Amino acid sequence: MPFEIQWTGPMGPESTRRKSAVDALRYAVQMFGRGYTDVVIVDLSKDGKAYSLADFRQFYLDAKG
């Protein structure tokens, strides 16, 4: 599943992609920890549905545990 991590930094909105849910969450947490705002994870396989970090963890990782 392709995931896009989006955030707002000093240069404005930015994004990157990750292939797995674990990698997407890990990268998003790093961006949040660095002080970036508006961090969301977008599921590109579900028509671009965006999730907050907490929601993404609940729906993708906790469900698989």
N, C-alpha and C. Protein backbone atom coordinates (compact mmCIF):
# COMPACT_ATOMS: atom_id res chain seq x y z
N MET A 1 0.83 -1.19 0.00
CA MET A 1 0.00 0.00 0.00
C MET A 1 0.87 1.25 0.00
N PRO A 2 0.62 2.15 -0.87
CA PRO A 2 1.39 3.41 -0.84
C PRO A 2 0.75 4.42 0.12
N PHE A 3 1.61 5.05 0.89
CA PHE A 3 1.16 6.08 1.83
C PHE A 3 1.96 7.34 1.59
N GLU A 4 1.30 8.48 1.72
CA GLU A 4 1.98 9.76 1.61
C GLU A 4 1.91 10.46 2.96
N ILE A 5 3.04 10.93 3.43
CA ILE A 5 3.10 11.69 4.67
C ILE A 5 3.17 13.15 4.26
N GLN A 6 2.26 13.96 4.80
CA GLN A 6 2.22 15.39 4.49
C GLN A 6 2.40 16.17 5.77
N TRP A 7 3.09 17.31 5.68
CA TRP A 7 3.29 18.17 6.83
C TRP A 7 3.56 19.59 6.34
N THR A 8 3.51 20.52 7.28
CA THR A 8 3.85 21.90 6.98
C THR A 8 5.11 22.25 7.74
N GLY A 9 6.11 22.68 7.01
CA GLY A 9 7.38 23.07 7.60
C GLY A 9 7.67 24.54 7.33
N PRO A 10 8.89 24.97 7.65
CA PRO A 10 9.25 26.38 7.46
C PRO A 10 9.15 26.85 6.00
N MET A 11 9.30 25.92 5.07
CA MET A 11 9.23 26.27 3.65
C MET A 11 7.83 26.06 3.07
N GLY A 12 6.87 25.71 3.93
CA GLY A 12 5.51 25.47 3.47
C GLY A 12 5.18 23.99 3.45
N PRO A 13 4.10 23.62 2.78
CA PRO A 13 3.68 22.21 2.73
C PRO A 13 4.71 21.34 2.01
N GLU A 14 4.92 20.14 2.56
CA GLU A 14 5.83 19.17 1.96
C GLU A 14 5.25 17.78 2.12
N SER A 15 5.82 16.82 1.40
CA SER A 15 5.35 15.44 1.51
C SER A 15 6.41 14.47 1.04
N THR A 16 6.22 13.21 1.44
CA THR A 16 7.06 12.12 0.98
C THR A 16 6.20 10.86 0.99
N ARG A 17 6.67 9.80 0.39
CA ARG A 17 5.90 8.55 0.33
C ARG A 17 6.65 7.41 0.98
N ARG A 18 5.88 6.47 1.52
CA ARG A 18 6.41 5.25 2.10
C ARG A 18 5.52 4.10 1.66
N LYS A 19 6.10 2.90 1.53
CA LYS A 19 5.36 1.74 1.03
C LYS A 19 4.57 1.02 2.11
N SER A 20 5.05 1.01 3.34
CA SER A 20 4.36 0.26 4.39
C SER A 20 3.77 1.18 5.44
N ALA A 21 2.76 0.68 6.14
CA ALA A 21 2.11 1.45 7.20
C ALA A 21 3.08 1.76 8.33
N VAL A 22 3.92 0.80 8.68
CA VAL A 22 4.88 1.00 9.77
C VAL A 22 5.87 2.09 9.41
N ASP A 23 6.40 2.05 8.19
CA ASP A 23 7.35 3.08 7.76
C ASP A 23 6.69 4.46 7.68
N ALA A 24 5.45 4.49 7.23
CA ALA A 24 4.72 5.77 7.14
C ALA A 24 4.53 6.37 8.52
N LEU A 25 4.11 5.56 9.48
CA LEU A 25 3.91 6.07 10.83
C LEU A 25 5.23 6.50 11.45
N ARG A 26 6.26 5.72 11.26
CA ARG A 26 7.58 6.06 11.81
C ARG A 26 8.06 7.42 11.28
N TYR A 27 7.93 7.63 9.98
CA TYR A 27 8.38 8.89 9.39
C TYR A 27 7.52 10.05 9.87
N ALA A 28 6.20 9.84 9.94
CA ALA A 28 5.30 10.90 10.39
C ALA A 28 5.60 11.31 11.83
N VAL A 29 5.88 10.35 12.68
CA VAL A 29 6.23 10.66 14.07
C VAL A 29 7.52 11.47 14.13
N GLN A 30 8.48 11.14 13.28
CA GLN A 30 9.73 11.91 13.22
C GLN A 30 9.45 13.36 12.83
N MET A 31 8.62 13.56 11.84
CA MET A 31 8.29 14.92 11.41
C MET A 31 7.59 15.69 12.53
N PHE A 32 6.67 15.04 13.21
CA PHE A 32 5.97 15.67 14.33
C PHE A 32 6.96 16.01 15.45
N GLY A 33 7.86 15.10 15.72
CA GLY A 33 8.87 15.31 16.76
C GLY A 33 9.83 16.45 16.45
N ARG A 34 10.00 16.73 15.19
CA ARG A 34 10.88 17.83 14.78
C ARG A 34 10.16 19.18 14.81
N GLY A 35 8.88 19.15 15.19
CA GLY A 35 8.13 20.39 15.33
C GLY A 35 7.33 20.81 14.12
N TYR A 36 7.26 19.95 13.11
CA TYR A 36 6.44 20.28 11.95
C TYR A 36 4.97 20.17 12.32
N THR A 37 4.13 20.94 11.65
CA THR A 37 2.71 20.96 11.97
C THR A 37 1.90 20.28 10.87
N ASP A 38 0.63 20.08 11.14
CA ASP A 38 -0.30 19.51 10.16
C ASP A 38 0.18 18.17 9.59
N VAL A 39 0.78 17.34 10.44
CA VAL A 39 1.30 16.05 9.98
C VAL A 39 0.13 15.08 9.83
N VAL A 40 -0.03 14.55 8.63
CA VAL A 40 -1.06 13.55 8.36
C VAL A 40 -0.47 12.46 7.46
N ILE A 41 -1.13 11.31 7.51
CA ILE A 41 -0.76 10.20 6.62
C ILE A 41 -1.93 9.96 5.69
N VAL A 42 -1.65 9.98 4.40
CA VAL A 42 -2.69 9.82 3.38
C VAL A 42 -2.56 8.42 2.79
N ASP A 43 -3.67 7.71 2.78
CA ASP A 43 -3.72 6.37 2.18
C ASP A 43 -4.08 6.55 0.71
N LEU A 44 -3.11 6.41 -0.15
CA LEU A 44 -3.33 6.63 -1.58
C LEU A 44 -4.19 5.55 -2.21
N SER A 45 -4.29 4.40 -1.56
CA SER A 45 -5.12 3.32 -2.11
C SER A 45 -6.59 3.51 -1.74
N LYS A 46 -6.89 4.46 -0.88
CA LYS A 46 -8.28 4.72 -0.47
C LYS A 46 -8.70 6.12 -0.88
N ASP A 47 -8.42 6.46 -2.11
CA ASP A 47 -8.80 7.76 -2.69
C ASP A 47 -8.29 8.94 -1.89
N GLY A 48 -7.12 8.81 -1.29
CA GLY A 48 -6.48 9.93 -0.63
C GLY A 48 -7.04 10.29 0.74
N LYS A 49 -7.58 9.30 1.45
CA LYS A 49 -8.11 9.57 2.79
C LYS A 49 -6.95 9.89 3.73
N ALA A 50 -7.06 11.03 4.44
CA ALA A 50 -6.00 11.49 5.34
C ALA A 50 -6.34 11.10 6.78
N TYR A 51 -5.31 10.68 7.52
CA TYR A 51 -5.46 10.28 8.92
C TYR A 51 -4.48 11.05 9.80
N SER A 52 -4.94 11.40 10.99
CA SER A 52 -4.00 11.93 11.99
C SER A 52 -3.12 10.76 12.43
N LEU A 53 -2.05 11.05 13.14
CA LEU A 53 -1.15 9.98 13.59
C LEU A 53 -1.88 8.99 14.48
N ALA A 54 -2.68 9.48 15.43
CA ALA A 54 -3.40 8.60 16.35
C ALA A 54 -4.42 7.74 15.60
N ASP A 55 -5.16 8.33 14.68
CA ASP A 55 -6.15 7.57 13.92
C ASP A 55 -5.48 6.52 13.04
N PHE A 56 -4.39 6.90 12.41
CA PHE A 56 -3.68 5.97 11.54
C PHE A 56 -3.19 4.77 12.34
N ARG A 57 -2.62 5.04 13.49
CA ARG A 57 -2.13 3.94 14.33
C ARG A 57 -3.29 3.01 14.71
N GLN A 58 -4.41 3.58 15.10
CA GLN A 58 -5.56 2.79 15.50
C GLN A 58 -6.09 1.95 14.34
N PHE A 59 -6.29 2.55 13.19
CA PHE A 59 -6.92 1.86 12.07
C PHE A 59 -5.99 0.88 11.34
N TYR A 60 -4.70 1.19 11.30
CA TYR A 60 -3.80 0.34 10.51
C TYR A 60 -2.95 -0.59 11.36
N LEU A 61 -2.34 -0.09 12.39
CA LEU A 61 -1.40 -0.91 13.14
C LEU A 61 -2.06 -1.70 14.25
N ASP A 62 -2.90 -1.06 15.06
CA ASP A 62 -3.56 -1.77 16.15
C ASP A 62 -4.48 -2.87 15.62
N ALA A 63 -5.10 -2.62 14.49
CA ALA A 63 -6.01 -3.61 13.90
C ALA A 63 -5.27 -4.86 13.45
N LYS A 64 -4.01 -4.72 13.11
CA LYS A 64 -3.23 -5.85 12.62
C LYS A 64 -2.50 -6.59 13.75
N GLY A 65 -2.52 -5.99 14.96
CA GLY A 65 -1.81 -6.58 16.08
C GLY A 65 -2.55 -7.66 16.72
